[in-house]
Amino acid sequence: MCMSGHSKWSKIKRKKGEADAKKGAVFTKLGKAITIAAREGGGDVDMNFKLKLAVDKARAANMPLDNIQRAIDKGAGSDKDGVQIEEAVYELYGPEGMACLVTVLTDNKNRALSDMKAVFAKQGGALGGAGSVAWMFEKKGLVVVEKVKIANIDELTLEAIDFGATEMEETEEEADFYCQAVDLKKLKDFLEGKGLVIETAELVYKPKSLVKVETEEKKEKIVRFLEAIDELDDVERVDINVDL
């Protein structure tokens, strides 16, 4: 069980997402994730764990229930509009040699790629070839819990191993439990059963190692690039190998 520093972009993005939700900008992205999950595994939240994760994320962002249901219906086939949303993962290089895996949910891959190239023109960065970046990451399940209700983090971590946890990283406010992708539901259910507050549970691309950024100027350059990529309509998540 490893406890080490990790990229803070996920937390920066989560806070940014909360602000975006107030404007309604994030609801379209959440709706796409729900639609894809419902299309892949059906519209029953209790029987489709991927859908449950997407719906939980939407509810946490205060997405209206009507919007959530419409997205489920669209994916399950009861509200077809002829638009086919697809998931794709792009391998990118950002400023200062940063490696990124960008997950998009889009009905037009050419548009999604063109939008990213427009960011490269202004912020730097480039599209990597197949396999050029992916080898630096591992697909993992991640459950983030608030530490306020954790009586003993060491005991909880040891217990969590029996439910698939392979790694734990903590800050003053949160504990991040990682697991193999197939164990995400089991780990999430265990932590919820302990009465803990789940901030997020999702599949992520976790970097195998992190690159240090030496100056604040370089960090700001990277964050500007990440914000520009994340603001694109089709981008669902961004995973990076830089310690911010």
Protein backbone atom coordinates (compact mmCIF):
# COMPACT_ATOMS: atom_id res chain seq x y z
CA MET A 1 0.00 0.00 0.00
CA CYS A 2 1.64 3.22 -1.15
CA MET A 3 1.09 6.72 0.16
CA SER A 4 2.69 9.26 -2.11
CA GLY A 5 2.18 12.68 -3.56
CA HIS A 6 0.06 12.83 -6.72
CA SER A 7 -1.16 15.26 -9.33
CA LYS A 8 -3.60 17.83 -7.98
CA TRP A 9 -5.20 18.49 -11.38
CA SER A 10 -8.11 16.17 -10.54
CA LYS A 11 -8.90 18.31 -7.50
CA ILE A 12 -8.45 21.56 -9.42
CA LYS A 13 -10.81 20.21 -12.06
CA ARG A 14 -13.35 19.07 -9.46
CA LYS A 15 -13.50 22.55 -7.93
CA LYS A 16 -13.70 24.05 -11.40
CA GLY A 17 -16.53 21.66 -12.24
CA GLU A 18 -18.51 22.86 -9.25
CA ALA A 19 -18.26 26.43 -10.56
CA ASP A 20 -19.16 25.37 -14.10
CA ALA A 21 -22.22 23.50 -12.82
CA LYS A 22 -23.67 26.72 -11.49
CA LYS A 23 -23.64 28.02 -15.06
CA GLY A 24 -24.95 24.76 -16.44
CA ALA A 25 -21.86 24.35 -18.63
CA VAL A 26 -20.94 20.95 -17.23
CA PHE A 27 -24.39 19.37 -17.62
CA THR A 28 -23.88 18.58 -21.30
CA LYS A 29 -20.73 16.60 -20.50
CA LEU A 30 -22.42 14.76 -17.66
CA GLY A 31 -25.38 13.97 -19.90
CA LYS A 32 -23.10 12.43 -22.53
CA ALA A 33 -21.49 10.16 -19.94
CA ILE A 34 -24.92 9.03 -18.74
CA THR A 35 -26.12 8.38 -22.30
CA ILE A 36 -23.09 6.26 -23.19
CA ALA A 37 -23.37 4.26 -19.96
CA ALA A 38 -27.08 3.62 -20.55
CA ARG A 39 -26.45 2.60 -24.15
CA GLU A 40 -23.70 0.14 -23.13
CA GLY A 41 -25.40 -1.45 -20.12
CA GLY A 42 -29.07 -0.48 -20.14
CA GLY A 43 -31.07 2.18 -18.31
CA ASP A 44 -31.46 0.44 -14.93
CA VAL A 45 -29.19 2.25 -12.46
CA ASP A 46 -29.29 -0.67 -10.03
CA MET A 47 -28.09 -3.12 -12.69
CA ASN A 48 -25.60 -0.87 -14.52
CA PHE A 49 -22.72 0.24 -12.29
CA LYS A 50 -21.18 2.52 -14.93
CA LEU A 51 -24.53 4.28 -15.22
CA LYS A 52 -24.78 4.58 -11.44
CA LEU A 53 -21.35 6.25 -11.32
CA ALA A 54 -22.37 8.71 -14.05
CA VAL A 55 -25.70 9.49 -12.36
CA ASP A 56 -24.06 9.93 -8.95
CA LYS A 57 -21.60 12.38 -10.50
CA ALA A 58 -24.44 14.30 -12.12
CA ARG A 59 -26.41 14.47 -8.89
CA ALA A 60 -23.31 15.71 -7.04
CA ALA A 61 -23.16 18.57 -9.58
CA ASN A 62 -26.87 19.32 -8.95
CA MET A 63 -27.90 18.36 -12.46
CA PRO A 64 -31.71 18.46 -12.71
CA LEU A 65 -33.38 15.05 -12.43
CA ASP A 66 -35.30 15.65 -15.69
CA ASN A 67 -31.99 16.15 -17.52
CA ILE A 68 -30.59 12.97 -16.01
CA GLN A 69 -33.63 10.95 -17.04
CA ARG A 70 -33.57 12.33 -20.59
CA ALA A 71 -29.92 11.32 -20.90
CA ILE A 72 -30.74 7.81 -19.64
CA ASP A 73 -33.68 7.51 -22.04
CA LYS A 74 -31.53 8.65 -24.94
CA GLY A 75 -28.91 5.99 -24.22
CA ALA A 76 -31.42 3.24 -23.49
CA GLY A 77 -33.18 3.88 -26.79
CA SER A 78 -36.50 5.28 -25.62
CA ASP A 79 -35.62 8.81 -26.74
CA LYS A 80 -33.62 8.36 -29.92
CA ASP A 81 -32.61 11.52 -31.74
CA GLY A 82 -30.32 10.03 -34.37
CA VAL A 83 -27.15 11.35 -32.68
CA GLN A 84 -24.55 8.70 -31.85
CA ILE A 85 -22.18 9.69 -29.06
CA GLU A 86 -18.86 7.85 -28.95
CA GLU A 87 -16.05 7.65 -26.41
CA ALA A 88 -12.45 8.07 -27.55
CA VAL A 89 -9.12 8.55 -25.78
CA TYR A 90 -6.46 10.80 -27.31
CA GLU A 91 -2.77 10.77 -26.42
CA LEU A 92 -1.37 14.29 -26.08
CA TYR A 93 1.83 16.08 -25.20
CA GLY A 94 1.36 19.36 -23.36
CA PRO A 95 3.72 22.15 -22.33
CA GLU A 96 7.01 21.22 -20.62
CA GLY A 97 6.83 17.68 -22.02
CA MET A 98 3.71 16.78 -20.05
CA ALA A 99 1.92 13.61 -21.13
CA CYS A 100 -1.91 13.57 -21.18
CA LEU A 101 -4.67 11.09 -21.87
CA VAL A 102 -7.78 12.99 -22.88
CA THR A 103 -11.12 11.17 -22.84
CA VAL A 104 -13.76 12.67 -25.12
CA LEU A 105 -17.46 11.92 -25.49
CA THR A 106 -18.49 13.19 -28.88
CA ASP A 107 -20.82 12.81 -31.83
CA ASN A 108 -18.08 14.10 -34.14
CA LYS A 109 -14.48 12.92 -33.65
CA ASN A 110 -13.19 15.23 -36.38
CA ARG A 111 -14.61 18.24 -34.52
CA ALA A 112 -13.16 17.05 -31.21
CA LEU A 113 -9.71 16.65 -32.76
CA SER A 114 -9.93 20.01 -34.54
CA ASP A 115 -10.84 21.74 -31.26
CA MET A 116 -7.82 20.22 -29.53
CA LYS A 117 -5.52 21.30 -32.35
CA ALA A 118 -6.82 24.85 -31.93
CA VAL A 119 -5.69 24.69 -28.29
CA PHE A 120 -2.25 23.45 -29.40
CA ALA A 121 -1.93 26.47 -31.69
CA LYS A 122 -2.51 28.89 -28.79
CA GLN A 123 -1.18 27.04 -25.74
CA GLY A 124 1.42 24.64 -27.16
CA GLY A 125 1.18 20.87 -27.13
CA ALA A 126 0.80 18.22 -29.80
CA LEU A 127 -1.08 15.04 -30.61
CA GLY A 128 0.93 11.90 -29.88
CA GLY A 129 0.97 8.76 -31.97
CA ALA A 130 -0.81 5.57 -30.91
CA GLY A 131 0.90 4.16 -27.82
CA SER A 132 3.22 7.14 -27.36
CA VAL A 133 1.58 8.22 -24.10
CA ALA A 134 -0.73 5.39 -23.02
CA TRP A 135 2.14 3.23 -21.72
CA MET A 136 2.83 5.84 -19.01
CA PHE A 137 -0.59 5.26 -17.42
CA GLU A 138 -2.64 2.46 -15.87
CA LYS A 139 -6.43 2.29 -15.86
CA LYS A 140 -7.55 2.26 -12.23
CA GLY A 141 -10.64 2.62 -10.12
CA LEU A 142 -10.56 5.62 -7.78
CA VAL A 143 -12.74 6.34 -4.77
CA VAL A 144 -12.20 9.69 -3.05
CA VAL A 145 -13.59 10.03 0.48
CA GLU A 146 -13.67 12.89 2.96
CA LYS A 147 -11.40 12.26 5.93
CA VAL A 148 -13.67 13.99 8.44
CA LYS A 149 -15.48 10.73 9.32
CA ILE A 150 -12.41 8.48 9.25
CA ALA A 151 -11.47 7.52 12.80
CA ASN A 152 -8.24 5.70 11.93
CA ILE A 153 -6.91 6.01 8.39
CA ASP A 154 -4.35 3.20 8.83
CA GLU A 155 -6.96 0.69 10.01
CA LEU A 156 -9.34 1.70 7.23
CA THR A 157 -6.61 1.29 4.64
CA LEU A 158 -5.79 -2.21 5.87
CA GLU A 159 -9.47 -3.18 5.76
CA ALA A 160 -9.83 -1.71 2.27
CA ILE A 161 -7.16 -4.09 0.94
CA ASP A 162 -9.63 -6.96 1.36
CA PHE A 163 -12.03 -5.07 -0.91
CA GLY A 164 -9.57 -4.45 -3.71
CA ALA A 165 -7.65 -1.35 -2.61
CA THR A 166 -4.10 -1.39 -3.95
CA GLU A 167 -2.96 2.10 -3.04
CA MET A 168 -3.99 5.03 -0.87
CA GLU A 169 -2.93 8.66 -1.11
CA GLU A 170 -4.09 11.32 1.30
CA THR A 171 -4.24 15.05 1.81
CA GLU A 172 -5.44 16.94 4.86
CA GLU A 173 -9.05 16.71 3.65
CA GLU A 174 -9.31 13.59 1.47
CA ALA A 175 -8.22 10.00 1.12
CA ASP A 176 -7.87 8.58 -2.40
CA PHE A 177 -8.27 4.81 -2.64
CA TYR A 178 -7.11 3.18 -5.88
CA CYS A 179 -7.97 -0.31 -7.09
CA GLN A 180 -8.06 -2.41 -10.23
CA ALA A 181 -10.87 -1.28 -12.53
CA VAL A 182 -12.89 -4.47 -11.92
CA ASP A 183 -12.87 -3.86 -8.15
CA LEU A 184 -14.28 -0.33 -8.22
CA LYS A 185 -17.84 -1.29 -7.24
CA LYS A 186 -16.66 -3.58 -4.44
CA LEU A 187 -14.37 -0.90 -2.99
CA LYS A 188 -16.96 1.86 -3.31
CA ASP A 189 -19.62 -0.27 -1.61
CA PHE A 190 -17.22 -1.07 1.26
CA LEU A 191 -16.32 2.58 1.87
CA GLU A 192 -19.96 3.65 1.66
CA GLY A 193 -20.83 0.89 4.10
CA LYS A 194 -18.41 2.43 6.59
CA GLY A 195 -20.57 5.57 6.59
CA LEU A 196 -17.98 7.66 4.77
CA VAL A 197 -18.73 10.60 2.48
CA ILE A 198 -17.82 9.64 -1.10
CA GLU A 199 -16.67 12.67 -3.09
CA THR A 200 -16.23 10.76 -6.32
CA ALA A 201 -15.91 7.21 -7.63
CA GLU A 202 -14.69 6.76 -11.19
CA LEU A 203 -12.32 5.07 -13.58
CA VAL A 204 -9.14 7.06 -14.20
CA TYR A 205 -5.83 6.75 -16.01
CA LYS A 206 -3.26 6.92 -13.22
CA PRO A 207 0.31 7.84 -14.17
CA LYS A 208 2.93 5.21 -13.34
CA SER A 209 5.28 8.00 -12.29
CA LEU A 210 5.05 11.77 -11.92
CA VAL A 211 7.17 14.49 -13.47
CA LYS A 212 8.12 17.38 -11.19
CA VAL A 213 7.62 20.94 -12.40
CA GLU A 214 10.32 23.22 -11.06
CA THR A 215 8.90 26.74 -11.33
CA GLU A 216 5.56 28.44 -10.73
CA GLU A 217 5.73 29.94 -14.21
CA LYS A 218 5.87 26.47 -15.76
CA LYS A 219 3.06 25.24 -13.52
CA GLU A 220 0.85 28.14 -14.56
CA LYS A 221 1.60 27.41 -18.22
CA ILE A 222 0.53 23.79 -17.73
CA VAL A 223 -2.65 24.74 -15.86
CA ARG A 224 -3.64 27.19 -18.60
CA PHE A 225 -3.22 24.40 -21.16
CA LEU A 226 -5.27 21.95 -19.05
CA GLU A 227 -8.04 24.47 -18.51
CA ALA A 228 -8.22 25.18 -22.24
CA ILE A 229 -8.45 21.46 -23.06
CA ASP A 230 -10.96 20.78 -20.29
CA GLU A 231 -13.24 23.62 -21.44
CA LEU A 232 -13.76 21.96 -24.83
CA ASP A 233 -17.33 20.71 -25.17
CA ASP A 234 -16.38 17.13 -26.03
CA VAL A 235 -13.73 16.60 -23.33
CA GLU A 236 -14.92 14.39 -20.46
CA ARG A 237 -11.70 14.08 -18.44
CA VAL A 238 -7.97 14.76 -18.60
CA ASP A 239 -5.33 12.59 -16.91
CA ILE A 240 -1.76 13.84 -16.67
CA ASN A 241 1.66 12.69 -15.45
CA VAL A 242 2.71 15.96 -13.81
CA ASP A 243 2.81 16.72 -10.10
CA LEU A 244 1.31 20.21 -9.70
